[in-house]
Amino acid sequence: MKIALITVRLLEEANKQRNESLERIFVRS
């Protein structure tokens, strides 16, 4: 179960970073 929790955390971090980069792209355009 620990592995599943770590995987969820990593996915949330990746989503956060992707959302931040998407916001930057939208701000530029």
C-alpha atoms as a PDB file:
ATOM      1  CA  MET A   1       0.000   0.000   0.000  1.00  0.00           C
ATOM      2  CA  LYS A   2       2.908   2.347   0.630  1.00  0.00           C
ATOM      3  CA  ILE A   3       3.895   2.100  -3.026  1.00  0.00           C
ATOM      4  CA  ALA A   4       0.393   3.163  -4.074  1.00  0.00           C
ATOM      5  CA  LEU A   5       0.552   6.226  -1.814  1.00  0.00           C
ATOM      6  CA  ILE A   6       3.933   7.203  -3.244  1.00  0.00           C
ATOM      7  CA  THR A   7       2.617   6.768  -6.780  1.00  0.00           C
ATOM      8  CA  VAL A   8      -0.370   9.008  -6.048  1.00  0.00           C
ATOM      9  CA  ARG A   9       1.927  11.665  -4.593  1.00  0.00           C
ATOM     10  CA  LEU A  10       4.184  11.551  -7.642  1.00  0.00           C
ATOM     11  CA  LEU A  11       1.196  11.845  -9.982  1.00  0.00           C
ATOM     12  CA  GLU A  12      -0.140  14.829  -8.028  1.00  0.00           C
ATOM     13  CA  GLU A  13       3.273  16.520  -8.213  1.00  0.00           C
ATOM     14  CA  ALA A  14       3.463  15.890 -11.973  1.00  0.00           C
ATOM     15  CA  ASN A  15      -0.052  17.283 -12.474  1.00  0.00           C
ATOM     16  CA  LYS A  16       0.813  20.369 -10.426  1.00  0.00           C
ATOM     17  CA  GLN A  17       3.927  21.055 -12.489  1.00  0.00           C
ATOM     18  CA  ARG A  18       2.068  20.458 -15.762  1.00  0.00           C
ATOM     19  CA  ASN A  19      -0.724  22.831 -14.704  1.00  0.00           C
ATOM     20  CA  GLU A  20       1.821  25.504 -13.785  1.00  0.00           C
ATOM     21  CA  SER A  21       3.521  25.247 -17.182  1.00  0.00           C
ATOM     22  CA  LEU A  22       0.122  25.341 -18.931  1.00  0.00           C
ATOM     23  CA  GLU A  23      -0.762  28.514 -17.027  1.00  0.00           C
ATOM     24  CA  ARG A  24       2.528  30.083 -18.179  1.00  0.00           C
ATOM     25  CA  ILE A  25       1.749  29.214 -21.797  1.00  0.00           C
ATOM     26  CA  PHE A  26      -1.740  30.720 -21.520  1.00  0.00           C
ATOM     27  CA  VAL A  27      -0.372  33.882 -19.923  1.00  0.00           C
ATOM     28  CA  ARG A  28       2.053  34.338 -22.839  1.00  0.00           C
ATOM     29  CA  SER A  29      -0.710  34.015 -25.443  1.00  0.00           C
END
